[in-house]
Amino acid sequence: MLAALGLSSAAPSTPGFVGICQIVAVTILPNFGFSEAKALAFILAVQGTIYLTIIPWGLLGLWRLSVGRAREET
């Protein structure tokens, strides 16, 4: 699954790989006993978890950068 998602990232895609990841998951996961609906639910949950993890850290980093710049200007 990870290898297929990695290879699919080489294809032109929309931001966040919306569409490509779902197609790959729905194609690959039924080979491992998932139904298409469960495969889609799984990949959406994985993507949601990734976004909910990365966004707060990114916002924290942006805040730290703005605080650092404010200190340099004074």
PDB file of N, CA and C in Angstrom:
ATOM      1  N   MET A   1       0.828  -1.181   0.000  1.00  0.00           N
ATOM      2  CA  MET A   1       0.000   0.000   0.000  1.00  0.00           C
ATOM      3  C   MET A   1       0.874   1.247   0.000  1.00  0.00           C
ATOM      4  N   LEU A   2       1.852   1.297   0.900  1.00  0.00           N
ATOM      5  CA  LEU A   2       2.728   2.470   0.961  1.00  0.00           C
ATOM      6  C   LEU A   2       3.526   2.645  -0.319  1.00  0.00           C
ATOM      7  N   ALA A   3       3.986   1.542  -0.872  1.00  0.00           N
ATOM      8  CA  ALA A   3       4.742   1.620  -2.126  1.00  0.00           C
ATOM      9  C   ALA A   3       3.852   2.147  -3.252  1.00  0.00           C
ATOM     10  N   ALA A   4       2.623   1.685  -3.310  1.00  0.00           N
ATOM     11  CA  ALA A   4       1.699   2.151  -4.348  1.00  0.00           C
ATOM     12  C   ALA A   4       1.376   3.630  -4.162  1.00  0.00           C
ATOM     13  N   LEU A   5       1.184   4.079  -2.928  1.00  0.00           N
ATOM     14  CA  LEU A   5       0.927   5.491  -2.681  1.00  0.00           C
ATOM     15  C   LEU A   5       2.154   6.334  -3.015  1.00  0.00           C
ATOM     16  N   GLY A   6       3.335   5.805  -2.708  1.00  0.00           N
ATOM     17  CA  GLY A   6       4.566   6.514  -3.058  1.00  0.00           C
ATOM     18  C   GLY A   6       4.730   6.667  -4.553  1.00  0.00           C
ATOM     19  N   LEU A   7       4.457   5.603  -5.290  1.00  0.00           N
ATOM     20  CA  LEU A   7       4.555   5.675  -6.744  1.00  0.00           C
ATOM     21  C   LEU A   7       3.486   6.596  -7.339  1.00  0.00           C
ATOM     22  N   SER A   8       2.324   6.606  -6.716  1.00  0.00           N
ATOM     23  CA  SER A   8       1.257   7.462  -7.235  1.00  0.00           C
ATOM     24  C   SER A   8       1.551   8.937  -7.013  1.00  0.00           C
ATOM     25  N   SER A   9       2.423   9.255  -6.085  1.00  0.00           N
ATOM     26  CA  SER A   9       2.749  10.665  -5.854  1.00  0.00           C
ATOM     27  C   SER A   9       3.528  11.258  -7.024  1.00  0.00           C
ATOM     28  N   ALA A  10       4.045  10.432  -7.919  1.00  0.00           N
ATOM     29  CA  ALA A  10       4.750  10.923  -9.104  1.00  0.00           C
ATOM     30  C   ALA A  10       3.765  11.418 -10.168  1.00  0.00           C
ATOM     31  N   ALA A  11       2.510  11.008 -10.065  1.00  0.00           N
ATOM     32  CA  ALA A  11       1.501  11.442 -11.038  1.00  0.00           C
ATOM     33  C   ALA A  11       1.048  12.864 -10.723  1.00  0.00           C
ATOM     34  N   PRO A  12       0.741  13.639 -11.738  1.00  0.00           N
ATOM     35  CA  PRO A  12       0.209  14.982 -11.479  1.00  0.00           C
ATOM     36  C   PRO A  12      -1.061  14.877 -10.643  1.00  0.00           C
ATOM     37  N   SER A  13      -1.177  15.747  -9.669  1.00  0.00           N
ATOM     38  CA  SER A  13      -2.280  15.617  -8.736  1.00  0.00           C
ATOM     39  C   SER A  13      -2.782  16.973  -8.288  1.00  0.00           C
ATOM     40  N   THR A  14      -3.911  16.938  -7.615  1.00  0.00           N
ATOM     41  CA  THR A  14      -4.459  18.126  -6.978  1.00  0.00           C
ATOM     42  C   THR A  14      -3.739  18.329  -5.647  1.00  0.00           C
ATOM     43  N   PRO A  15      -3.873  19.491  -5.025  1.00  0.00           N
ATOM     44  CA  PRO A  15      -3.245  19.697  -3.714  1.00  0.00           C
ATOM     45  C   PRO A  15      -3.730  18.664  -2.697  1.00  0.00           C
ATOM     46  N   GLY A  16      -2.808  18.133  -1.922  1.00  0.00           N
ATOM     47  CA  GLY A  16      -3.158  17.142  -0.917  1.00  0.00           C
ATOM     48  C   GLY A  16      -3.364  15.754  -1.462  1.00  0.00           C
ATOM     49  N   PHE A  17      -3.083  15.537  -2.730  1.00  0.00           N
ATOM     50  CA  PHE A  17      -3.252  14.244  -3.399  1.00  0.00           C
ATOM     51  C   PHE A  17      -4.684  13.740  -3.312  1.00  0.00           C
ATOM     52  N   VAL A  18      -5.647  14.651  -3.207  1.00  0.00           N
ATOM     53  CA  VAL A  18      -7.049  14.246  -3.159  1.00  0.00           C
ATOM     54  C   VAL A  18      -7.415  13.676  -4.520  1.00  0.00           C
ATOM     55  N   GLY A  19      -7.896  12.497  -4.526  1.00  0.00           N
ATOM     56  CA  GLY A  19      -8.280  11.815  -5.762  1.00  0.00           C
ATOM     57  C   GLY A  19      -7.330  10.678  -6.077  1.00  0.00           C
ATOM     58  N   ILE A  20      -6.054  10.978  -6.198  1.00  0.00           N
ATOM     59  CA  ILE A  20      -5.060   9.947  -6.520  1.00  0.00           C
ATOM     60  C   ILE A  20      -4.954   8.937  -5.378  1.00  0.00           C
ATOM     61  N   CYS A  21      -4.827   9.420  -4.144  1.00  0.00           N
ATOM     62  CA  CYS A  21      -4.710   8.501  -2.999  1.00  0.00           C
ATOM     63  C   CYS A  21      -5.942   7.613  -2.867  1.00  0.00           C
ATOM     64  N   GLN A  22      -7.106   8.198  -3.070  1.00  0.00           N
ATOM     65  CA  GLN A  22      -8.329   7.410  -2.945  1.00  0.00           C
ATOM     66  C   GLN A  22      -8.417   6.340  -4.024  1.00  0.00           C
ATOM     67  N   ILE A  23      -8.048   6.678  -5.243  1.00  0.00           N
ATOM     68  CA  ILE A  23      -8.092   5.692  -6.331  1.00  0.00           C
ATOM     69  C   ILE A  23      -7.121   4.549  -6.055  1.00  0.00           C
ATOM     70  N   VAL A  24      -5.911   4.892  -5.602  1.00  0.00           N
ATOM     71  CA  VAL A  24      -4.919   3.854  -5.310  1.00  0.00           C
ATOM     72  C   VAL A  24      -5.397   2.966  -4.169  1.00  0.00           C
ATOM     73  N   ALA A  25      -5.934   3.565  -3.112  1.00  0.00           N
ATOM     74  CA  ALA A  25      -6.405   2.773  -1.975  1.00  0.00           C
ATOM     75  C   ALA A  25      -7.554   1.856  -2.363  1.00  0.00           C
ATOM     76  N   VAL A  26      -8.496   2.386  -3.132  1.00  0.00           N
ATOM     77  CA  VAL A  26      -9.655   1.575  -3.535  1.00  0.00           C
ATOM     78  C   VAL A  26      -9.236   0.477  -4.505  1.00  0.00           C
ATOM     79  N   THR A  27      -8.126   0.667  -5.203  1.00  0.00           N
ATOM     80  CA  THR A  27      -7.629  -0.351  -6.128  1.00  0.00           C
ATOM     81  C   THR A  27      -6.797  -1.410  -5.407  1.00  0.00           C
ATOM     82  N   ILE A  28      -5.969  -0.991  -4.458  1.00  0.00           N
ATOM     83  CA  ILE A  28      -5.021  -1.907  -3.807  1.00  0.00           C
ATOM     84  C   ILE A  28      -5.632  -2.644  -2.613  1.00  0.00           C
ATOM     85  N   LEU A  29      -6.340  -1.944  -1.752  1.00  0.00           N
ATOM     86  CA  LEU A  29      -6.812  -2.559  -0.503  1.00  0.00           C
ATOM     87  C   LEU A  29      -7.792  -3.721  -0.664  1.00  0.00           C
ATOM     88  N   PRO A  30      -8.643  -3.768  -1.689  1.00  0.00           N
ATOM     89  CA  PRO A  30      -9.484  -4.965  -1.829  1.00  0.00           C
ATOM     90  C   PRO A  30      -8.680  -6.259  -1.990  1.00  0.00           C
ATOM     91  N   ASN A  31      -7.435  -6.161  -2.465  1.00  0.00           N
ATOM     92  CA  ASN A  31      -6.582  -7.357  -2.550  1.00  0.00           C
ATOM     93  C   ASN A  31      -6.225  -7.890  -1.174  1.00  0.00           C
ATOM     94  N   PHE A  32      -6.379  -7.062  -0.135  1.00  0.00           N
ATOM     95  CA  PHE A  32      -6.067  -7.471   1.228  1.00  0.00           C
ATOM     96  C   PHE A  32      -7.319  -7.708   2.061  1.00  0.00           C
ATOM     97  N   GLY A  33      -8.457  -7.857   1.412  1.00  0.00           N
ATOM     98  CA  GLY A  33      -9.689  -8.212   2.109  1.00  0.00           C
ATOM     99  C   GLY A  33     -10.585  -7.042   2.476  1.00  0.00           C
ATOM    100  N   PHE A  34     -10.254  -5.832   2.093  1.00  0.00           N
ATOM    101  CA  PHE A  34     -11.106  -4.678   2.357  1.00  0.00           C
ATOM    102  C   PHE A  34     -12.160  -4.576   1.253  1.00  0.00           C
ATOM    103  N   SER A  35     -13.332  -4.092   1.619  1.00  0.00           N
ATOM    104  CA  SER A  35     -14.303  -3.741   0.578  1.00  0.00           C
ATOM    105  C   SER A  35     -13.917  -2.356   0.054  1.00  0.00           C
ATOM    106  N   GLU A  36     -14.477  -1.969  -1.068  1.00  0.00           N
ATOM    107  CA  GLU A  36     -14.149  -0.655  -1.631  1.00  0.00           C
ATOM    108  C   GLU A  36     -14.584   0.468  -0.691  1.00  0.00           C
ATOM    109  N   ALA A  37     -15.730   0.304  -0.047  1.00  0.00           N
ATOM    110  CA  ALA A  37     -16.213   1.326   0.879  1.00  0.00           C
ATOM    111  C   ALA A  37     -15.295   1.445   2.089  1.00  0.00           C
ATOM    112  N   LYS A  38     -14.848   0.303   2.623  1.00  0.00           N
ATOM    113  CA  LYS A  38     -13.938   0.344   3.768  1.00  0.00           C
ATOM    114  C   LYS A  38     -12.572   0.901   3.375  1.00  0.00           C
ATOM    115  N   ALA A  39     -12.129   0.600   2.171  1.00  0.00           N
ATOM    116  CA  ALA A  39     -10.849   1.138   1.699  1.00  0.00           C
ATOM    117  C   ALA A  39     -10.925   2.654   1.585  1.00  0.00           C
ATOM    118  N   LEU A  40     -12.024   3.170   1.052  1.00  0.00           N
ATOM    119  CA  LEU A  40     -12.194   4.609   0.936  1.00  0.00           C
ATOM    120  C   LEU A  40     -12.276   5.257   2.319  1.00  0.00           C
ATOM    121  N   ALA A  41     -13.028   4.653   3.224  1.00  0.00           N
ATOM    122  CA  ALA A  41     -13.124   5.179   4.588  1.00  0.00           C
ATOM    123  C   ALA A  41     -11.761   5.165   5.268  1.00  0.00           C
ATOM    124  N   PHE A  42     -10.999   4.113   5.052  1.00  0.00           N
ATOM    125  CA  PHE A  42      -9.667   3.994   5.655  1.00  0.00           C
ATOM    126  C   PHE A  42      -8.737   5.094   5.158  1.00  0.00           C
ATOM    127  N   ILE A  43      -8.672   5.297   3.852  1.00  0.00           N
ATOM    128  CA  ILE A  43      -7.739   6.287   3.319  1.00  0.00           C
ATOM    129  C   ILE A  43      -8.174   7.696   3.701  1.00  0.00           C
ATOM    130  N   LEU A  44      -9.468   7.966   3.789  1.00  0.00           N
ATOM    131  CA  LEU A  44      -9.928   9.275   4.238  1.00  0.00           C
ATOM    132  C   LEU A  44      -9.577   9.511   5.703  1.00  0.00           C
ATOM    133  N   ALA A  45      -9.687   8.461   6.523  1.00  0.00           N
ATOM    134  CA  ALA A  45      -9.308   8.582   7.931  1.00  0.00           C
ATOM    135  C   ALA A  45      -7.798   8.809   8.068  1.00  0.00           C
ATOM    136  N   VAL A  46      -7.005   8.110   7.268  1.00  0.00           N
ATOM    137  CA  VAL A  46      -5.551   8.293   7.309  1.00  0.00           C
ATOM    138  C   VAL A  46      -5.182   9.711   6.892  1.00  0.00           C
ATOM    139  N   GLN A  47      -5.760  10.200   5.809  1.00  0.00           N
ATOM    140  CA  GLN A  47      -5.466  11.562   5.359  1.00  0.00           C
ATOM    141  C   GLN A  47      -5.919  12.591   6.384  1.00  0.00           C
ATOM    142  N   GLY A  48      -7.075  12.394   6.979  1.00  0.00           N
ATOM    143  CA  GLY A  48      -7.551  13.309   8.013  1.00  0.00           C
ATOM    144  C   GLY A  48      -6.622  13.346   9.210  1.00  0.00           C
ATOM    145  N   THR A  49      -6.143  12.178   9.618  1.00  0.00           N
ATOM    146  CA  THR A  49      -5.210  12.105  10.731  1.00  0.00           C
ATOM    147  C   THR A  49      -3.904  12.820  10.405  1.00  0.00           C
ATOM    148  N   ILE A  50      -3.430  12.640   9.198  1.00  0.00           N
ATOM    149  CA  ILE A  50      -2.194  13.312   8.785  1.00  0.00           C
ATOM    150  C   ILE A  50      -2.386  14.824   8.820  1.00  0.00           C
ATOM    151  N   TYR A  51      -3.491  15.312   8.255  1.00  0.00           N
ATOM    152  CA  TYR A  51      -3.733  16.754   8.236  1.00  0.00           C
ATOM    153  C   TYR A  51      -3.909  17.307   9.647  1.00  0.00           C
ATOM    154  N   LEU A  52      -4.627  16.579  10.512  1.00  0.00           N
ATOM    155  CA  LEU A  52      -4.832  17.052  11.877  1.00  0.00           C
ATOM    156  C   LEU A  52      -3.541  17.024  12.700  1.00  0.00           C
ATOM    157  N   THR A  53      -2.567  16.271  12.253  1.00  0.00           N
ATOM    158  CA  THR A  53      -1.270  16.255  12.922  1.00  0.00           C
ATOM    159  C   THR A  53      -0.357  17.339  12.373  1.00  0.00           C
ATOM    160  N   ILE A  54      -0.325  17.512  11.090  1.00  0.00           N
ATOM    161  CA  ILE A  54       0.621  18.437  10.465  1.00  0.00           C
ATOM    162  C   ILE A  54       0.191  19.897  10.613  1.00  0.00           C
ATOM    163  N   ILE A  55      -1.088  20.194  10.503  1.00  0.00           N
ATOM    164  CA  ILE A  55      -1.543  21.588  10.540  1.00  0.00           C
ATOM    165  C   ILE A  55      -1.191  22.286  11.855  1.00  0.00           C
ATOM    166  N   PRO A  56      -1.449  21.697  13.036  1.00  0.00           N
ATOM    167  CA  PRO A  56      -1.047  22.404  14.266  1.00  0.00           C
ATOM    168  C   PRO A  56       0.463  22.641  14.355  1.00  0.00           C
ATOM    169  N   TRP A  57       1.264  21.668  13.934  1.00  0.00           N
ATOM    170  CA  TRP A  57       2.717  21.865  13.973  1.00  0.00           C
ATOM    171  C   TRP A  57       3.153  22.952  12.998  1.00  0.00           C
ATOM    172  N   GLY A  58       2.529  23.013  11.838  1.00  0.00           N
ATOM    173  CA  GLY A  58       2.848  24.063  10.877  1.00  0.00           C
ATOM    174  C   GLY A  58       2.458  25.435  11.393  1.00  0.00           C
ATOM    175  N   LEU A  59       1.286  25.527  12.018  1.00  0.00           N
ATOM    176  CA  LEU A  59       0.862  26.804  12.587  1.00  0.00           C
ATOM    177  C   LEU A  59       1.790  27.236  13.720  1.00  0.00           C
ATOM    178  N   LEU A  60       2.222  26.282  14.531  1.00  0.00           N
ATOM    179  CA  LEU A  60       3.180  26.595  15.593  1.00  0.00           C
ATOM    180  C   LEU A  60       4.491  27.111  15.000  1.00  0.00           C
ATOM    181  N   GLY A  61       4.952  26.486  13.936  1.00  0.00           N
ATOM    182  CA  GLY A  61       6.176  26.930  13.275  1.00  0.00           C
ATOM    183  C   GLY A  61       6.037  28.326  12.689  1.00  0.00           C
ATOM    184  N   LEU A  62       4.903  28.614  12.062  1.00  0.00           N
ATOM    185  CA  LEU A  62       4.672  29.953  11.524  1.00  0.00           C
ATOM    186  C   LEU A  62       4.633  30.994  12.633  1.00  0.00           C
ATOM    187  N   TRP A  63       4.002  30.658  13.746  1.00  0.00           N
ATOM    188  CA  TRP A  63       3.952  31.568  14.875  1.00  0.00           C
ATOM    189  C   TRP A  63       5.357  31.832  15.413  1.00  0.00           C
ATOM    190  N   ARG A  64       6.154  30.773  15.543  1.00  0.00           N
ATOM    191  CA  ARG A  64       7.530  30.942  16.036  1.00  0.00           C
ATOM    192  C   ARG A  64       8.343  31.801  15.081  1.00  0.00           C
ATOM    193  N   LEU A  65       8.150  31.645  13.782  1.00  0.00           N
ATOM    194  CA  LEU A  65       8.861  32.477  12.825  1.00  0.00           C
ATOM    195  C   LEU A  65       8.456  33.946  12.962  1.00  0.00           C
ATOM    196  N   SER A  66       7.178  34.201  13.149  1.00  0.00           N
ATOM    197  CA  SER A  66       6.735  35.589  13.277  1.00  0.00           C
ATOM    198  C   SER A  66       7.239  36.202  14.573  1.00  0.00           C
ATOM    199  N   VAL A  67       7.307  35.432  15.653  1.00  0.00           N
ATOM    200  CA  VAL A  67       7.854  35.937  16.923  1.00  0.00           C
ATOM    201  C   VAL A  67       9.339  36.236  16.761  1.00  0.00           C
ATOM    202  N   GLY A  68      10.066  35.370  16.088  1.00  0.00           N
ATOM    203  CA  GLY A  68      11.498  35.580  15.854  1.00  0.00           C
ATOM    204  C   GLY A  68      11.767  36.813  15.023  1.00  0.00           C
ATOM    205  N   ARG A  69      10.950  37.044  14.018  1.00  0.00           N
ATOM    206  CA  ARG A  69      11.129  38.243  13.182  1.00  0.00           C
ATOM    207  C   ARG A  69      10.799  39.500  13.965  1.00  0.00           C
ATOM    208  N   ALA A  70       9.781  39.439  14.818  1.00  0.00           N
ATOM    209  CA  ALA A  70       9.431  40.602  15.612  1.00  0.00           C
ATOM    210  C   ALA A  70      10.576  40.963  16.561  1.00  0.00           C
ATOM    211  N   ARG A  71      11.264  39.987  17.099  1.00  0.00           N
ATOM    212  CA  ARG A  71      12.409  40.247  17.992  1.00  0.00           C
ATOM    213  C   ARG A  71      13.582  40.837  17.229  1.00  0.00           C
ATOM    214  N   GLU A  72      13.787  40.389  15.985  1.00  0.00           N
ATOM    215  CA  GLU A  72      14.893  40.901  15.185  1.00  0.00           C
ATOM    216  C   GLU A  72      14.668  42.360  14.789  1.00  0.00           C
ATOM    217  N   GLU A  73      13.432  42.752  14.615  1.00  0.00           N
ATOM    218  CA  GLU A  73      13.124  44.115  14.181  1.00  0.00           C
ATOM    219  C   GLU A  73      13.278  45.115  15.304  1.00  0.00           C
ATOM    220  N   THR A  74      13.197  44.675  16.560  1.00  0.00           N
ATOM    221  CA  THR A  74      13.309  45.615  17.671  1.00  0.00           C
ATOM    222  C   THR A  74      14.720  45.822  18.120  1.00  0.00           C
TER     223      THR A  74
END
